[in-house]
Amino acid sequence: MKQVTVALVGAGLRGVNYLEYAKQYPDEMQIVAVAEPNRERREHCQARHGLPDDKCFTHWDELFAQPKMADAVFICTQDQQHFEPTMKALDAGYHVLLEKPMSPDAKECVAMGARAAQLDRVFSICHVLRFTNFFATIKELLEGGAIGQLMSITHNENVGYWHQAHSFVRGNWRRKDESSPMILAKSCHDLDILLWLAGSDCVSISSFGSLSHFTSAQAPEGAPLRCLDGCPVAEECLYYAPKQYLTENTDWPTSAISDDWSYEGRIKALQEGPYGRCVYHCDNDVVDHQVVNMAFANGVIAAFHMSAFTKEISRTIKLMGTTGEIRGAMEKNEIEILRFGSDKAERIDLADAGGHIGHGGGDYGLVRDFLRLLRKGGGSKGLTSAHRSVQSHMMAFAAEQARVEQSVVRMQDFVDRLL
């Protein structure tokens, strides 16, 4: 099996997770370079993968100015920093694995996909859910006719109240102008899964949602701008920052607030950084709950519900066909098949993907598929190739337009106007 060499652009949490595949399967993948502006993250990656100093860069321009040094580049920068390094990597001869979303700009999504096709490069998007046992099993059941002809889907992404506060109120994805709309930043995974399960093009879409709770109007009386500045409701507030970040547990999300995980380092982060702010006095503008309705060319309809107001972080789904139903809970690894005319439900308990990092084993499945494509050569297309991912991204952009305009958007009209 040919060992694939990889350079990483953006050594944040997602990029670091993908690189762990090389530690588990060193015969398949070797890390040869990193470009990361944050010194601590860059040096951590360097030490973890034994990189020489001359293969560690502060900016992707430095990496791409060198002669081609790897088979592929993993690009795991922030959303608005995807387009430029991707185009430069493709032009420099690299195959690319790009973190989702492709870009907060619809035209950039199309342009990247077109450039990869023109240059015959492998260009995969990190829609890791397609590679989980959970969704792969549901797809197999549908294709095997387990519930007859699929008619409709309801799918819930339960964001979790504290996850919303961490990532989408205080964190990097709190503002559309600094990252992307919530439906794209958080839920393009889910629209991609619905497109895949429906098995047909989306033809029209509508959406409703808003930012309702995490606003200054909902702030408790006397709440300061920062939690540590004498909050009068600290004991009862669900979002009081020290409850989340000053415990003995320094795993994510606490690990994201600072590169110094000591108690003193975390205190300083809450005093000075974004994660110490009152959730009702932030500059966030992305929605905290949204529904999206979709119609597909084959007659399937789907309803997607994203909500911050859940106790657990989970995904649940129900698929309804002409002869039965499939119900599933991803985090519980449970799938249930109910066939019409039978009182007995068939239950599938999937093996826990405990040894695999992230998204129920999907992270490793994604990397494995990408490496397989590279070994095949040329612009091979996998489960999450850009030519597939572009459509689900267009669905997200159209859903946001439909939400803002309170309209029904026809996908073909949306794409025609874009191009």
Protein backbone atom coordinates (compact mmCIF):
# COMPACT_ATOMS: atom_id res chain seq x y z
CA MET A 1 0.00 0.00 0.00
CA LYS A 2 1.47 3.33 -1.06
CA GLN A 3 2.15 5.72 1.79
CA VAL A 4 0.58 9.12 1.09
CA THR A 5 2.42 12.25 2.23
CA VAL A 6 0.36 15.13 3.63
CA ALA A 7 0.95 18.78 4.57
CA LEU A 8 -1.44 20.48 6.99
CA VAL A 9 -2.65 24.06 6.64
CA GLY A 10 -4.33 25.12 9.90
CA ALA A 11 -3.38 23.12 13.01
CA GLY A 12 -6.58 23.71 14.99
CA LEU A 13 -8.73 21.00 16.55
CA ARG A 14 -10.10 19.62 13.28
CA GLY A 15 -6.76 19.47 11.52
CA VAL A 16 -5.05 17.85 14.49
CA ASN A 17 -7.77 15.19 14.66
CA TYR A 18 -7.38 14.24 11.02
CA LEU A 19 -3.60 13.94 11.40
CA GLU A 20 -4.02 11.36 14.15
CA TYR A 21 -4.78 8.89 11.37
CA ALA A 22 -1.05 8.95 10.57
CA LYS A 23 -0.22 7.89 14.14
CA GLN A 24 -2.65 4.99 13.97
CA TYR A 25 -1.76 3.93 10.41
CA PRO A 26 1.79 5.14 9.71
CA ASP A 27 2.18 2.81 6.72
CA GLU A 28 -0.68 4.63 5.00
CA MET A 29 -0.03 8.31 5.74
CA GLN A 30 2.95 10.47 6.71
CA ILE A 31 2.81 14.11 7.81
CA VAL A 32 5.65 16.08 6.21
CA ALA A 33 4.83 19.78 6.77
CA VAL A 34 2.57 22.21 8.63
CA ALA A 35 1.56 25.84 8.10
CA GLU A 36 0.04 27.47 11.17
CA PRO A 37 0.38 31.08 12.45
CA ASN A 38 -0.12 30.16 16.11
CA ARG A 39 3.31 29.21 17.49
CA GLU A 40 2.07 26.84 20.20
CA ARG A 41 -0.13 24.91 17.77
CA ARG A 42 2.59 24.79 15.15
CA GLU A 43 5.16 23.52 17.61
CA HIS A 44 2.74 20.94 19.02
CA CYS A 45 2.14 19.58 15.51
CA GLN A 46 5.88 19.62 14.82
CA ALA A 47 6.64 17.62 17.95
CA ARG A 48 3.75 15.19 17.46
CA HIS A 49 4.83 14.28 13.94
CA GLY A 50 8.58 14.81 14.12
CA LEU A 51 8.77 17.59 11.56
CA PRO A 52 12.03 19.43 10.83
CA ASP A 53 12.15 23.19 11.30
CA ASP A 54 12.32 23.87 7.56
CA LYS A 55 8.96 22.12 7.07
CA CYS A 56 7.11 24.29 9.60
CA PHE A 57 5.64 27.53 8.26
CA THR A 58 3.68 30.43 9.70
CA HIS A 59 1.60 30.97 6.54
CA TRP A 60 0.42 28.88 3.64
CA ASP A 61 2.16 31.22 1.20
CA GLU A 62 5.49 30.07 2.64
CA LEU A 63 4.49 26.45 2.12
CA PHE A 64 3.33 26.90 -1.46
CA ALA A 65 6.40 28.98 -2.33
CA GLN A 66 8.47 25.82 -1.83
CA PRO A 67 8.79 23.01 -4.38
CA LYS A 68 5.92 20.52 -4.04
CA MET A 69 6.68 18.47 -0.93
CA ALA A 70 3.63 16.24 -0.44
CA ASP A 71 0.95 14.36 -2.32
CA ALA A 72 -1.87 16.26 -0.63
CA VAL A 73 -2.78 19.17 1.62
CA PHE A 74 -5.34 19.11 4.40
CA ILE A 75 -6.82 22.62 4.68
CA CYS A 76 -8.40 23.16 8.09
CA THR A 77 -8.35 26.93 8.50
CA GLN A 78 -11.30 29.10 9.53
CA ASP A 79 -14.23 29.26 7.09
CA GLN A 80 -13.23 32.52 5.42
CA GLN A 81 -9.69 31.28 4.94
CA HIS A 82 -10.52 28.28 2.77
CA PHE A 83 -10.64 29.70 -0.73
CA GLU A 84 -7.17 31.20 -1.14
CA PRO A 85 -5.08 28.26 0.18
CA THR A 86 -7.28 25.76 -1.66
CA MET A 87 -6.80 27.47 -5.01
CA LYS A 88 -3.06 27.83 -4.40
CA ALA A 89 -2.75 24.19 -3.37
CA LEU A 90 -4.61 22.97 -6.46
CA ASP A 91 -2.50 25.16 -8.73
CA ALA A 92 0.69 23.93 -7.03
CA GLY A 93 -0.15 20.32 -7.87
CA TYR A 94 -1.58 19.13 -4.57
CA HIS A 95 -4.70 17.07 -4.02
CA VAL A 96 -6.87 18.69 -1.32
CA LEU A 97 -8.97 17.62 1.64
CA LEU A 98 -10.91 20.71 2.75
CA GLU A 99 -12.72 21.23 6.04
CA LYS A 100 -16.39 22.11 5.74
CA PRO A 101 -17.95 24.44 4.88
CA MET A 102 -16.10 24.94 1.62
CA SER A 103 -16.54 28.71 1.83
CA PRO A 104 -19.06 31.25 3.15
CA ASP A 105 -19.22 32.58 -0.43
CA ALA A 106 -21.32 30.52 -2.84
CA LYS A 107 -19.35 31.62 -5.90
CA GLU A 108 -16.10 30.54 -4.25
CA CYS A 109 -17.56 27.07 -3.65
CA VAL A 110 -18.34 26.72 -7.34
CA ALA A 111 -14.95 28.13 -8.37
CA MET A 112 -12.99 25.68 -6.21
CA GLY A 113 -14.90 22.71 -7.53
CA ALA A 114 -14.40 23.87 -11.11
CA ARG A 115 -10.65 24.39 -10.63
CA ALA A 116 -10.19 20.91 -9.13
CA ALA A 117 -12.06 19.35 -12.06
CA GLN A 118 -10.08 21.38 -14.59
CA LEU A 119 -6.77 20.26 -13.05
CA ASP A 120 -7.93 16.66 -12.45
CA ARG A 121 -7.19 16.83 -8.72
CA VAL A 122 -8.79 14.82 -5.94
CA PHE A 123 -10.77 17.40 -3.97
CA SER A 124 -12.80 16.08 -1.04
CA ILE A 125 -14.85 17.98 1.53
CA CYS A 126 -14.97 16.95 5.19
CA HIS A 127 -18.59 15.79 5.31
CA VAL A 128 -17.64 13.14 7.83
CA LEU A 129 -21.19 11.96 8.61
CA ARG A 130 -21.34 9.95 5.37
CA PHE A 131 -18.55 7.79 6.76
CA THR A 132 -20.18 6.92 10.09
CA ASN A 133 -21.55 3.43 10.64
CA PHE A 134 -24.83 5.06 11.58
CA PHE A 135 -25.63 6.91 8.35
CA ALA A 136 -23.91 4.34 6.12
CA THR A 137 -26.21 1.66 7.59
CA ILE A 138 -29.31 3.80 7.02
CA LYS A 139 -28.25 4.35 3.40
CA GLU A 140 -27.81 0.60 2.91
CA LEU A 141 -31.25 -0.06 4.41
CA LEU A 142 -32.87 2.44 2.05
CA GLU A 143 -31.11 1.05 -1.01
CA GLY A 144 -32.07 -2.47 0.06
CA GLY A 145 -35.77 -1.54 0.17
CA ALA A 146 -36.15 -2.02 3.92
CA ILE A 147 -39.07 0.46 4.05
CA GLY A 148 -40.17 0.38 0.42
CA GLN A 149 -39.99 3.66 -1.44
CA LEU A 150 -38.73 6.53 0.69
CA MET A 151 -41.30 9.31 0.97
CA SER A 152 -40.20 11.72 3.70
CA ILE A 153 -37.50 12.42 6.28
CA THR A 154 -37.45 14.37 9.53
CA HIS A 155 -33.99 15.08 10.91
CA ASN A 156 -33.00 16.91 14.09
CA GLU A 157 -29.65 18.40 14.98
CA ASN A 158 -29.73 18.95 18.72
CA VAL A 159 -26.90 21.43 19.15
CA GLY A 160 -26.94 21.49 22.95
CA TYR A 161 -27.41 24.62 25.04
CA TRP A 162 -23.79 24.82 26.22
CA HIS A 163 -22.35 23.99 22.77
CA GLN A 164 -24.36 26.83 21.26
CA ALA A 165 -22.99 29.19 23.90
CA HIS A 166 -19.41 28.03 23.39
CA SER A 167 -19.17 27.94 19.59
CA PHE A 168 -21.97 30.12 18.26
CA VAL A 169 -22.40 32.83 20.90
CA ARG A 170 -18.93 33.33 22.36
CA GLY A 171 -16.86 31.43 19.83
CA ASN A 172 -15.46 31.56 16.31
CA TRP A 173 -18.76 30.90 14.53
CA ARG A 174 -20.89 33.52 16.30
CA ARG A 175 -21.08 36.03 13.42
CA LYS A 176 -22.03 35.58 9.79
CA ASP A 177 -19.54 38.20 8.62
CA GLU A 178 -16.65 36.45 10.40
CA SER A 179 -17.52 32.86 9.49
CA SER A 180 -20.85 31.96 7.85
CA PRO A 181 -24.58 31.56 8.63
CA MET A 182 -25.41 28.89 11.21
CA ILE A 183 -27.07 26.68 8.60
CA LEU A 184 -23.78 26.53 6.73
CA ALA A 185 -21.26 26.56 9.60
CA LYS A 186 -23.03 23.97 11.76
CA SER A 187 -25.52 22.19 9.57
CA CYS A 188 -24.07 21.77 6.08
CA HIS A 189 -23.24 18.26 7.39
CA ASP A 190 -26.94 17.64 7.84
CA LEU A 191 -28.10 19.06 4.52
CA ASP A 192 -25.45 16.92 2.85
CA ILE A 193 -26.77 13.81 4.62
CA LEU A 194 -30.36 14.62 3.61
CA LEU A 195 -29.30 15.09 -0.01
CA TRP A 196 -27.46 11.75 0.11
CA LEU A 197 -30.30 9.83 1.76
CA ALA A 198 -32.98 11.34 -0.49
CA GLY A 199 -30.99 10.16 -3.50
CA SER A 200 -32.11 12.99 -5.75
CA ASP A 201 -31.51 16.67 -6.46
CA CYS A 202 -33.14 19.24 -4.19
CA VAL A 203 -35.54 21.36 -6.26
CA SER A 204 -37.01 23.82 -3.73
CA ILE A 205 -36.39 24.96 -0.17
CA SER A 206 -37.93 27.13 2.55
CA SER A 207 -36.77 28.05 6.02
CA PHE A 208 -37.71 29.84 9.24
CA GLY A 209 -35.56 30.71 12.23
CA SER A 210 -34.06 33.50 14.27
CA LEU A 211 -31.75 34.56 17.09
CA SER A 212 -34.19 34.78 19.98
CA HIS A 213 -32.54 33.96 23.29
CA PHE A 214 -28.87 34.93 23.26
CA THR A 215 -29.50 38.67 23.05
CA SER A 216 -29.13 41.65 25.40
CA ALA A 217 -32.91 41.79 25.78
CA GLN A 218 -32.76 38.44 27.60
CA ALA A 219 -29.91 39.41 29.96
CA PRO A 220 -30.62 39.10 33.69
CA GLU A 221 -30.84 42.41 35.50
CA GLY A 222 -27.42 43.67 36.44
CA ALA A 223 -25.51 41.11 34.39
CA PRO A 224 -22.04 42.51 33.56
CA LEU A 225 -20.30 42.21 30.21
CA ARG A 226 -18.04 39.48 31.62
CA CYS A 227 -18.94 36.62 33.94
CA LEU A 228 -16.03 37.30 36.29
CA ASP A 229 -16.99 40.94 36.78
CA GLY A 230 -19.40 40.22 39.64
CA CYS A 231 -22.42 38.60 38.00
CA PRO A 232 -25.41 38.73 40.38
CA VAL A 233 -26.91 35.50 38.97
CA ALA A 234 -23.71 33.44 38.78
CA GLU A 235 -25.08 30.59 40.86
CA GLU A 236 -28.18 29.96 38.79
CA CYS A 237 -26.98 30.99 35.30
CA LEU A 238 -26.60 28.02 32.98
CA TYR A 239 -23.91 29.84 31.02
CA TYR A 240 -21.70 31.20 33.81
CA ALA A 241 -18.29 30.72 32.22
CA PRO A 242 -16.37 29.31 35.24
CA LYS A 243 -18.85 26.43 35.46
CA GLN A 244 -17.79 25.36 31.98
CA TYR A 245 -14.12 26.28 31.79
CA LEU A 246 -12.64 26.21 35.31
CA THR A 247 -13.20 22.55 36.17
CA GLU A 248 -10.60 19.77 36.30
CA ASN A 249 -11.61 18.70 32.79
CA THR A 250 -9.46 20.48 30.20
CA ASP A 251 -10.72 18.52 27.19
CA TRP A 252 -12.76 20.29 24.52
CA PRO A 253 -14.40 22.76 24.78
CA THR A 254 -12.16 24.06 27.58
CA SER A 255 -9.08 23.27 25.47
CA ALA A 256 -10.31 25.78 22.87
CA ILE A 257 -10.32 28.88 25.09
CA SER A 258 -6.52 29.14 25.46
CA ASP A 259 -3.29 27.41 24.57
CA ASP A 260 -2.38 27.63 28.27
CA TRP A 261 -4.57 25.07 30.03
CA SER A 262 -3.35 25.85 33.54
CA TYR A 263 -5.92 27.27 35.95
CA GLU A 264 -4.16 30.63 35.80
CA GLY A 265 -4.10 30.53 32.00
CA ARG A 266 -7.80 29.79 31.85
CA ILE A 267 -8.62 32.55 34.34
CA LYS A 268 -6.74 34.99 32.14
CA ALA A 269 -8.62 33.73 29.08
CA LEU A 270 -11.95 34.39 30.79
CA GLN A 271 -10.82 37.83 31.91
CA GLU A 272 -9.53 38.90 28.50
CA GLY A 273 -10.79 36.57 25.80
CA PRO A 274 -14.17 35.94 24.13
CA TYR A 275 -15.13 32.91 26.22
CA GLY A 276 -15.45 34.94 29.43
CA ARG A 277 -18.19 37.15 28.06
CA CYS A 278 -21.78 37.05 29.23
CA VAL A 279 -23.74 35.13 26.59
CA TYR A 280 -26.36 37.87 26.63
CA HIS A 281 -23.82 40.62 25.91
CA CYS A 282 -21.86 39.15 22.99
CA ASP A 283 -21.71 40.38 19.41
CA ASN A 284 -23.25 37.19 17.99
CA ASP A 285 -25.81 37.34 15.17
CA VAL A 286 -26.30 33.73 13.98
CA VAL A 287 -29.62 32.03 14.68
CA ASP A 288 -30.20 29.85 17.72
CA HIS A 289 -33.00 27.79 16.15
CA GLN A 290 -34.01 27.12 12.55
CA VAL A 291 -36.13 24.78 10.44
CA VAL A 292 -35.54 23.98 6.77
CA ASN A 293 -38.04 22.27 4.46
CA MET A 294 -36.86 20.60 1.26
CA ALA A 295 -38.46 19.03 -1.80
CA PHE A 296 -36.46 16.66 -4.00
CA ALA A 297 -36.88 15.79 -7.66
CA ASN A 298 -37.92 12.20 -6.90
CA GLY A 299 -40.83 13.31 -4.70
CA VAL A 300 -39.10 12.86 -1.35
CA ILE A 301 -39.66 15.70 1.12
CA ALA A 302 -37.53 16.46 4.18
CA ALA A 303 -37.75 18.64 7.28
CA PHE A 304 -34.60 19.60 9.17
CA HIS A 305 -34.67 21.18 12.63
CA MET A 306 -31.59 22.73 14.24
CA SER A 307 -31.99 23.94 17.81
CA ALA A 308 -29.67 25.22 20.52
CA PHE A 309 -32.25 24.44 23.17
CA THR A 310 -31.47 20.80 23.88
CA LYS A 311 -29.82 19.09 26.83
CA GLU A 312 -27.82 16.62 24.76
CA ILE A 313 -25.70 17.12 21.66
CA SER A 314 -27.15 14.59 19.27
CA ARG A 315 -28.66 13.82 15.90
CA THR A 316 -31.92 11.94 15.54
CA ILE A 317 -33.71 10.95 12.35
CA LYS A 318 -36.92 9.36 11.12
CA LEU A 319 -37.35 8.11 7.56
CA MET A 320 -40.83 7.16 6.32
CA GLY A 321 -41.38 4.85 3.38
CA THR A 322 -44.25 3.08 1.69
CA THR A 323 -43.82 -0.12 3.75
CA GLY A 324 -42.29 1.06 7.01
CA GLU A 325 -40.20 3.50 9.03
CA ILE A 326 -36.60 3.80 10.12
CA ARG A 327 -35.84 5.66 13.34
CA GLY A 328 -32.33 6.38 14.52
CA ALA A 329 -30.28 8.08 17.23
CA MET A 330 -26.73 8.63 16.06
CA GLU A 331 -24.98 9.16 19.40
CA LYS A 332 -26.66 6.06 20.84
CA ASN A 333 -25.69 4.01 17.76
CA GLU A 334 -29.29 2.81 17.58
CA ILE A 335 -31.43 2.18 14.50
CA GLU A 336 -34.95 0.78 14.62
CA ILE A 337 -36.96 -0.57 11.67
CA LEU A 338 -40.75 -0.68 11.98
CA ARG A 339 -42.48 -2.52 9.15
CA PHE A 340 -46.14 -1.92 8.45
CA GLY A 341 -48.35 -4.88 9.30
CA SER A 342 -45.95 -6.18 11.93
CA ASP A 343 -46.00 -5.58 15.67
CA LYS A 344 -42.32 -6.44 16.01
CA ALA A 345 -39.63 -3.82 15.57
CA GLU A 346 -36.19 -4.75 14.30
CA ARG A 347 -33.41 -3.11 16.28
CA ILE A 348 -29.85 -2.60 15.07
CA ASP A 349 -27.26 -1.76 17.71
CA LEU A 350 -24.13 -0.58 15.95
CA ALA A 351 -20.66 -1.17 17.29
CA ASP A 352 -19.23 1.79 19.15
CA ALA A 353 -16.50 3.42 17.07
CA GLY A 354 -14.61 4.19 20.25
CA GLY A 355 -11.12 3.83 18.85
CA HIS A 356 -11.77 6.37 16.12
CA ILE A 357 -11.52 10.08 16.68
CA GLY A 358 -14.58 12.21 16.11
CA HIS A 359 -18.07 11.94 14.66
CA GLY A 360 -18.70 8.28 15.39
CA GLY A 361 -15.66 7.14 13.43
CA GLY A 362 -16.46 9.42 10.52
CA ASP A 363 -13.21 11.40 10.79
CA TYR A 364 -11.06 8.34 10.16
CA GLY A 365 -13.43 7.02 7.51
CA LEU A 366 -13.14 10.31 5.65
CA VAL A 367 -9.33 10.28 5.70
CA ARG A 368 -9.22 6.63 4.67
CA ASP A 369 -11.46 7.34 1.67
CA PHE A 370 -9.35 10.32 0.65
CA LEU A 371 -6.17 8.24 0.74
CA ARG A 372 -7.88 5.53 -1.31
CA LEU A 373 -8.76 8.09 -3.97
CA LEU A 374 -5.18 9.31 -4.17
CA ARG A 375 -3.91 5.79 -4.70
CA LYS A 376 -6.36 5.35 -7.57
CA GLY A 377 -4.84 8.41 -9.24
CA GLY A 378 -6.27 11.33 -11.17
CA GLY A 379 -9.37 13.26 -10.19
CA SER A 380 -11.14 10.27 -8.65
CA LYS A 381 -14.42 11.13 -6.97
CA GLY A 382 -15.34 9.80 -3.56
CA LEU A 383 -18.39 10.07 -1.30
CA THR A 384 -17.68 13.70 -0.44
CA SER A 385 -16.03 14.97 -3.61
CA ALA A 386 -16.57 18.63 -4.33
CA HIS A 387 -18.92 17.99 -7.26
CA ARG A 388 -21.32 16.44 -4.72
CA SER A 389 -20.63 18.83 -1.86
CA VAL A 390 -21.28 21.94 -3.94
CA GLN A 391 -24.97 21.05 -4.23
CA SER A 392 -25.49 20.67 -0.48
CA HIS A 393 -23.66 23.95 0.05
CA MET A 394 -26.00 25.61 -2.43
CA MET A 395 -28.89 24.21 -0.40
CA ALA A 396 -27.50 25.91 2.71
CA PHE A 397 -27.09 29.26 0.93
CA ALA A 398 -30.60 28.97 -0.50
CA ALA A 399 -32.01 28.06 2.93
CA GLU A 400 -30.47 31.19 4.44
CA GLN A 401 -31.93 33.31 1.64
CA ALA A 402 -35.32 31.70 2.19
CA ARG A 403 -35.11 32.38 5.94
CA VAL A 404 -34.13 36.02 5.52
CA GLU A 405 -36.66 36.71 2.76
CA GLN A 406 -39.36 34.40 4.19
CA SER A 407 -39.74 32.89 0.75
CA VAL A 408 -39.63 29.58 -1.09
CA VAL A 409 -36.46 29.32 -3.16
CA ARG A 410 -36.27 27.22 -6.30
CA MET A 411 -32.82 25.71 -6.44
CA GLN A 412 -32.40 26.02 -10.20
CA ASP A 413 -33.32 29.72 -10.09
CA PHE A 414 -30.88 30.23 -7.21
CA VAL A 415 -28.00 28.58 -9.09
CA ASP A 416 -28.83 30.36 -12.36
CA ARG A 417 -28.69 33.75 -10.64
CA LEU A 418 -25.43 32.80 -8.99
CA LEU A 419 -23.72 31.78 -12.20
